[in-house]
N, C-alpha and C. Protein backbone atom coordinates (compact mmCIF):
# COMPACT_ATOMS: atom_id res chain seq x y z
N MET A 1 28.96 -72.98 17.52
CA MET A 1 28.45 -73.37 16.21
C MET A 1 29.59 -73.97 15.40
N ALA A 2 29.40 -75.15 14.89
CA ALA A 2 30.43 -75.82 14.13
C ALA A 2 30.57 -75.27 12.73
N GLY A 3 29.51 -74.84 12.11
CA GLY A 3 29.57 -74.33 10.75
C GLY A 3 28.25 -73.64 10.42
N SER A 4 28.15 -73.15 9.20
CA SER A 4 26.95 -72.40 8.81
C SER A 4 25.75 -73.34 8.62
N ASP A 5 26.03 -74.60 8.32
CA ASP A 5 24.97 -75.60 8.18
C ASP A 5 25.56 -76.95 8.51
N SER A 6 24.78 -77.96 8.33
CA SER A 6 25.26 -79.30 8.71
C SER A 6 26.31 -79.89 7.76
N TRP A 7 26.61 -79.21 6.66
CA TRP A 7 27.56 -79.74 5.68
C TRP A 7 28.89 -79.00 5.66
N HIS A 8 28.98 -77.80 6.23
CA HIS A 8 30.18 -77.01 6.16
C HIS A 8 30.73 -76.72 7.55
N LEU A 9 32.04 -76.79 7.69
CA LEU A 9 32.67 -76.59 8.98
C LEU A 9 33.64 -75.42 8.98
N GLU A 10 33.36 -74.39 8.21
CA GLU A 10 34.31 -73.27 8.10
C GLU A 10 34.51 -72.53 9.42
N ALA A 11 33.56 -72.61 10.33
CA ALA A 11 33.71 -71.92 11.61
C ALA A 11 34.28 -72.82 12.70
N TYR A 12 34.55 -74.06 12.38
CA TYR A 12 35.03 -75.02 13.39
C TYR A 12 36.41 -74.63 13.87
N ARG A 13 36.60 -74.72 15.16
CA ARG A 13 37.92 -74.50 15.77
C ARG A 13 38.18 -75.66 16.70
N GLY A 14 39.26 -76.39 16.46
CA GLY A 14 39.61 -77.52 17.30
C GLY A 14 40.02 -77.06 18.68
N MET A 15 39.73 -77.88 19.67
CA MET A 15 40.08 -77.57 21.05
C MET A 15 40.90 -78.71 21.60
N ASP A 16 41.87 -78.41 22.47
CA ASP A 16 42.73 -79.44 23.01
C ASP A 16 41.96 -80.54 23.75
N GLN A 17 40.86 -80.16 24.37
CA GLN A 17 40.10 -81.17 25.11
C GLN A 17 39.53 -82.26 24.25
N PHE A 18 39.51 -82.03 22.94
CA PHE A 18 38.98 -83.03 22.02
C PHE A 18 40.04 -83.89 21.39
N HIS A 19 41.29 -83.67 21.75
CA HIS A 19 42.37 -84.51 21.22
C HIS A 19 42.52 -85.73 22.10
N MET A 20 42.90 -86.81 21.48
CA MET A 20 43.12 -88.04 22.26
C MET A 20 44.37 -87.88 23.09
N LYS A 21 44.37 -88.47 24.25
CA LYS A 21 45.55 -88.48 25.13
C LYS A 21 46.55 -89.46 24.56
N PRO A 22 47.82 -89.32 24.95
CA PRO A 22 48.79 -90.35 24.54
C PRO A 22 48.32 -91.71 25.08
N TYR A 23 48.44 -92.74 24.26
CA TYR A 23 47.96 -94.06 24.68
C TYR A 23 48.69 -94.55 25.92
N THR A 24 49.90 -94.06 26.17
CA THR A 24 50.65 -94.48 27.34
C THR A 24 49.95 -94.04 28.64
N GLU A 25 49.24 -92.92 28.60
CA GLU A 25 48.47 -92.48 29.77
C GLU A 25 47.31 -93.45 30.04
N ILE A 26 46.67 -93.86 28.99
CA ILE A 26 45.55 -94.81 29.14
C ILE A 26 46.06 -96.17 29.59
N GLN A 27 47.20 -96.57 29.03
CA GLN A 27 47.81 -97.84 29.41
C GLN A 27 48.14 -97.85 30.90
N LYS A 28 48.67 -96.75 31.40
CA LYS A 28 49.00 -96.62 32.83
C LYS A 28 47.72 -96.69 33.67
N MET A 29 46.68 -96.01 33.25
CA MET A 29 45.40 -96.03 33.97
C MET A 29 44.83 -97.45 34.02
N TRP A 30 44.86 -98.15 32.88
CA TRP A 30 44.33 -99.51 32.84
C TRP A 30 45.13 -100.41 33.78
N LYS A 31 46.43 -100.22 33.84
CA LYS A 31 47.27 -101.03 34.73
C LYS A 31 46.88 -100.75 36.18
N GLU A 32 46.68 -99.47 36.54
CA GLU A 32 46.28 -99.12 37.90
C GLU A 32 44.92 -99.72 38.24
N LEU A 33 44.04 -99.81 37.27
CA LEU A 33 42.69 -100.37 37.47
C LEU A 33 42.69 -101.89 37.42
N LYS A 34 43.89 -102.46 37.13
CA LYS A 34 44.06 -103.92 37.05
C LYS A 34 43.18 -104.54 35.96
N ILE A 35 43.06 -103.83 34.85
CA ILE A 35 42.33 -104.40 33.71
C ILE A 35 43.28 -105.37 33.01
N ASN A 36 42.84 -106.59 32.88
CA ASN A 36 43.66 -107.64 32.25
C ASN A 36 43.56 -107.55 30.74
N THR A 37 44.58 -106.97 30.13
CA THR A 37 44.58 -106.77 28.68
C THR A 37 44.88 -108.05 27.91
N LYS A 38 45.12 -109.14 28.62
CA LYS A 38 45.30 -110.43 27.92
C LYS A 38 43.96 -111.05 27.58
N ASN A 39 42.91 -110.60 28.27
CA ASN A 39 41.55 -111.06 27.96
C ASN A 39 41.03 -110.34 26.74
N HIS A 40 39.98 -110.87 26.14
CA HIS A 40 39.28 -110.18 25.07
C HIS A 40 38.56 -109.00 25.71
N LEU A 41 38.78 -107.80 25.20
CA LEU A 41 38.15 -106.58 25.71
C LEU A 41 37.08 -106.12 24.72
N ALA A 42 35.89 -105.92 25.19
CA ALA A 42 34.80 -105.42 24.37
C ALA A 42 34.36 -104.09 24.92
N PHE A 43 34.32 -103.08 24.06
CA PHE A 43 33.99 -101.72 24.49
C PHE A 43 32.62 -101.32 23.99
N TYR A 44 31.87 -100.63 24.84
CA TYR A 44 30.57 -100.09 24.42
C TYR A 44 30.31 -98.83 25.21
N CYS A 45 29.39 -98.04 24.71
CA CYS A 45 28.94 -96.81 25.38
C CYS A 45 27.49 -96.59 24.98
N GLY A 46 27.03 -95.39 25.05
CA GLY A 46 25.63 -95.12 24.72
C GLY A 46 25.26 -95.41 23.28
N THR A 47 26.10 -94.92 22.36
CA THR A 47 25.78 -95.13 20.92
C THR A 47 26.95 -95.73 20.13
N GLY A 48 28.12 -95.76 20.68
CA GLY A 48 29.26 -96.41 20.02
C GLY A 48 30.45 -95.52 19.75
N TRP A 49 30.28 -94.21 19.70
CA TRP A 49 31.40 -93.37 19.29
C TRP A 49 32.48 -93.27 20.36
N ARG A 50 32.12 -93.21 21.64
CA ARG A 50 33.13 -93.14 22.71
C ARG A 50 33.85 -94.47 22.82
N ALA A 51 33.14 -95.55 22.61
CA ALA A 51 33.77 -96.88 22.66
C ALA A 51 34.79 -97.00 21.53
N SER A 52 34.52 -96.39 20.40
CA SER A 52 35.47 -96.41 19.30
C SER A 52 36.79 -95.75 19.65
N GLU A 53 36.71 -94.66 20.43
CA GLU A 53 37.92 -93.99 20.87
C GLU A 53 38.76 -94.92 21.73
N VAL A 54 38.14 -95.63 22.65
CA VAL A 54 38.86 -96.57 23.50
C VAL A 54 39.45 -97.70 22.68
N TRP A 55 38.73 -98.12 21.64
CA TRP A 55 39.24 -99.17 20.75
C TRP A 55 40.53 -98.70 20.07
N PHE A 56 40.59 -97.43 19.67
CA PHE A 56 41.81 -96.90 19.05
C PHE A 56 42.99 -96.91 20.06
N TYR A 57 42.69 -96.61 21.32
CA TYR A 57 43.77 -96.70 22.33
C TYR A 57 44.27 -98.13 22.44
N ALA A 58 43.37 -99.09 22.47
CA ALA A 58 43.76 -100.49 22.55
C ALA A 58 44.59 -100.90 21.33
N GLN A 59 44.20 -100.42 20.16
CA GLN A 59 44.99 -100.70 18.93
C GLN A 59 46.38 -100.12 19.07
N ALA A 60 46.49 -98.90 19.57
CA ALA A 60 47.81 -98.26 19.73
C ALA A 60 48.68 -99.02 20.71
N MET A 61 48.04 -99.69 21.68
CA MET A 61 48.79 -100.50 22.65
C MET A 61 49.20 -101.86 22.07
N GLY A 62 48.75 -102.15 20.87
CA GLY A 62 49.09 -103.42 20.23
C GLY A 62 48.19 -104.59 20.65
N LEU A 63 47.07 -104.30 21.29
CA LEU A 63 46.15 -105.37 21.68
C LEU A 63 45.40 -105.90 20.47
N GLU A 64 45.21 -107.20 20.44
CA GLU A 64 44.55 -107.83 19.29
C GLU A 64 43.14 -108.34 19.59
N LYS A 65 42.91 -108.74 20.84
CA LYS A 65 41.61 -109.29 21.21
C LYS A 65 40.72 -108.17 21.71
N ILE A 66 40.22 -107.34 20.78
CA ILE A 66 39.39 -106.20 21.15
C ILE A 66 38.23 -106.08 20.17
N SER A 67 37.14 -105.52 20.66
CA SER A 67 35.98 -105.29 19.79
C SER A 67 35.14 -104.14 20.32
N VAL A 68 34.29 -103.62 19.46
CA VAL A 68 33.37 -102.53 19.83
C VAL A 68 31.95 -102.97 19.49
N TYR A 69 31.05 -102.75 20.42
CA TYR A 69 29.64 -102.94 20.12
C TYR A 69 29.18 -101.59 19.60
N ASP A 70 29.20 -101.43 18.27
CA ASP A 70 29.00 -100.08 17.67
C ASP A 70 27.59 -99.54 17.79
N GLY A 71 26.63 -100.36 18.12
CA GLY A 71 25.28 -99.85 18.34
C GLY A 71 25.08 -99.29 19.73
N GLY A 72 25.97 -99.69 20.62
CA GLY A 72 25.96 -99.20 21.98
C GLY A 72 24.76 -99.64 22.79
N TRP A 73 24.69 -99.05 23.98
CA TRP A 73 23.60 -99.35 24.90
C TRP A 73 22.25 -99.04 24.27
N LYS A 74 22.20 -97.96 23.50
CA LYS A 74 20.93 -97.53 22.91
C LYS A 74 20.38 -98.64 21.99
N GLU A 75 21.20 -99.14 21.10
CA GLU A 75 20.72 -100.20 20.18
C GLU A 75 20.34 -101.47 20.96
N TRP A 76 21.22 -101.86 21.90
CA TRP A 76 20.98 -103.07 22.67
C TRP A 76 19.67 -102.98 23.43
N SER A 77 19.42 -101.85 24.08
CA SER A 77 18.23 -101.73 24.89
C SER A 77 16.94 -101.64 24.08
N GLU A 78 17.06 -101.26 22.81
CA GLU A 78 15.88 -101.16 21.94
C GLU A 78 15.57 -102.46 21.20
N THR A 79 16.44 -103.46 21.31
CA THR A 79 16.24 -104.73 20.65
C THR A 79 15.19 -105.54 21.41
N LYS A 80 14.12 -105.90 20.73
CA LYS A 80 13.03 -106.63 21.38
C LYS A 80 13.48 -108.02 21.86
N GLU A 81 14.47 -108.59 21.21
CA GLU A 81 14.92 -109.92 21.58
C GLU A 81 15.78 -109.92 22.85
N THR A 82 16.12 -108.72 23.34
CA THR A 82 16.96 -108.61 24.52
C THR A 82 16.25 -109.20 25.72
N LYS A 83 16.83 -110.25 26.26
CA LYS A 83 16.24 -110.88 27.46
C LYS A 83 17.23 -110.85 28.62
N LYS A 84 18.29 -110.10 28.45
CA LYS A 84 19.27 -109.99 29.51
C LYS A 84 18.74 -109.15 30.66
N LYS A 85 19.08 -109.54 31.85
CA LYS A 85 18.69 -108.77 33.02
C LYS A 85 19.63 -107.57 33.12
N VAL A 86 19.06 -106.41 33.31
CA VAL A 86 19.87 -105.19 33.45
C VAL A 86 20.09 -104.92 34.93
N LEU A 87 21.34 -104.91 35.35
CA LEU A 87 21.68 -104.67 36.74
C LEU A 87 22.00 -103.21 36.94
N LYS A 88 21.61 -102.68 38.08
CA LYS A 88 21.90 -101.28 38.41
C LYS A 88 23.08 -101.24 39.35
N GLY A 89 23.92 -100.22 39.21
CA GLY A 89 25.07 -100.07 40.09
C GLY A 89 26.35 -99.95 39.29
N GLU A 90 27.44 -99.90 40.01
CA GLU A 90 28.75 -99.80 39.36
C GLU A 90 29.24 -101.18 38.98
N PRO A 91 29.70 -101.36 37.72
CA PRO A 91 30.14 -102.69 37.28
C PRO A 91 31.20 -103.31 38.22
N LYS A 92 32.13 -102.48 38.69
CA LYS A 92 33.20 -103.00 39.54
C LYS A 92 32.64 -103.61 40.80
N LYS A 93 31.56 -103.03 41.33
CA LYS A 93 30.98 -103.55 42.57
C LYS A 93 30.02 -104.70 42.31
N LEU A 94 29.47 -104.79 41.11
CA LEU A 94 28.49 -105.84 40.79
C LEU A 94 29.16 -107.19 40.60
N ASN A 95 30.22 -107.21 39.83
CA ASN A 95 30.87 -108.51 39.51
C ASN A 95 32.29 -108.19 39.07
N GLU A 96 33.13 -107.89 40.03
CA GLU A 96 34.48 -107.45 39.75
C GLU A 96 35.27 -108.46 38.91
N GLU A 97 35.10 -109.72 39.17
CA GLU A 97 35.89 -110.74 38.46
C GLU A 97 35.65 -110.70 36.96
N SER A 98 34.41 -110.56 36.54
CA SER A 98 34.10 -110.61 35.10
C SER A 98 34.65 -109.39 34.37
N PHE A 99 34.88 -108.31 35.06
CA PHE A 99 35.39 -107.11 34.39
C PHE A 99 36.91 -107.01 34.43
N LEU A 100 37.51 -107.56 35.46
CA LEU A 100 38.94 -107.37 35.63
C LEU A 100 39.79 -108.59 35.35
N ASP A 101 39.26 -109.76 35.43
CA ASP A 101 40.07 -110.97 35.22
C ASP A 101 39.63 -111.72 34.01
């Protein structure tokens, strides 16, 4: 329980698992995954909050060509104008070039 109600956090206790990792760890991981940080990087997730965390890592790395789709997959999938084909599978296996280069 975070607090007695939705407005108070007197019972909240922070946990290490909720702290951000040093950006150098993320930078190393991105290098191992061969993510080209010279390209414009756009981050998204289900609703936008996890993508925001990754955006902060990119900021800490000094990257400038970065953005977040803050509505996330949820907003995008609920938009009636969406005419994009949704592919199933792992992005790396679907179209590796568009994600890494």
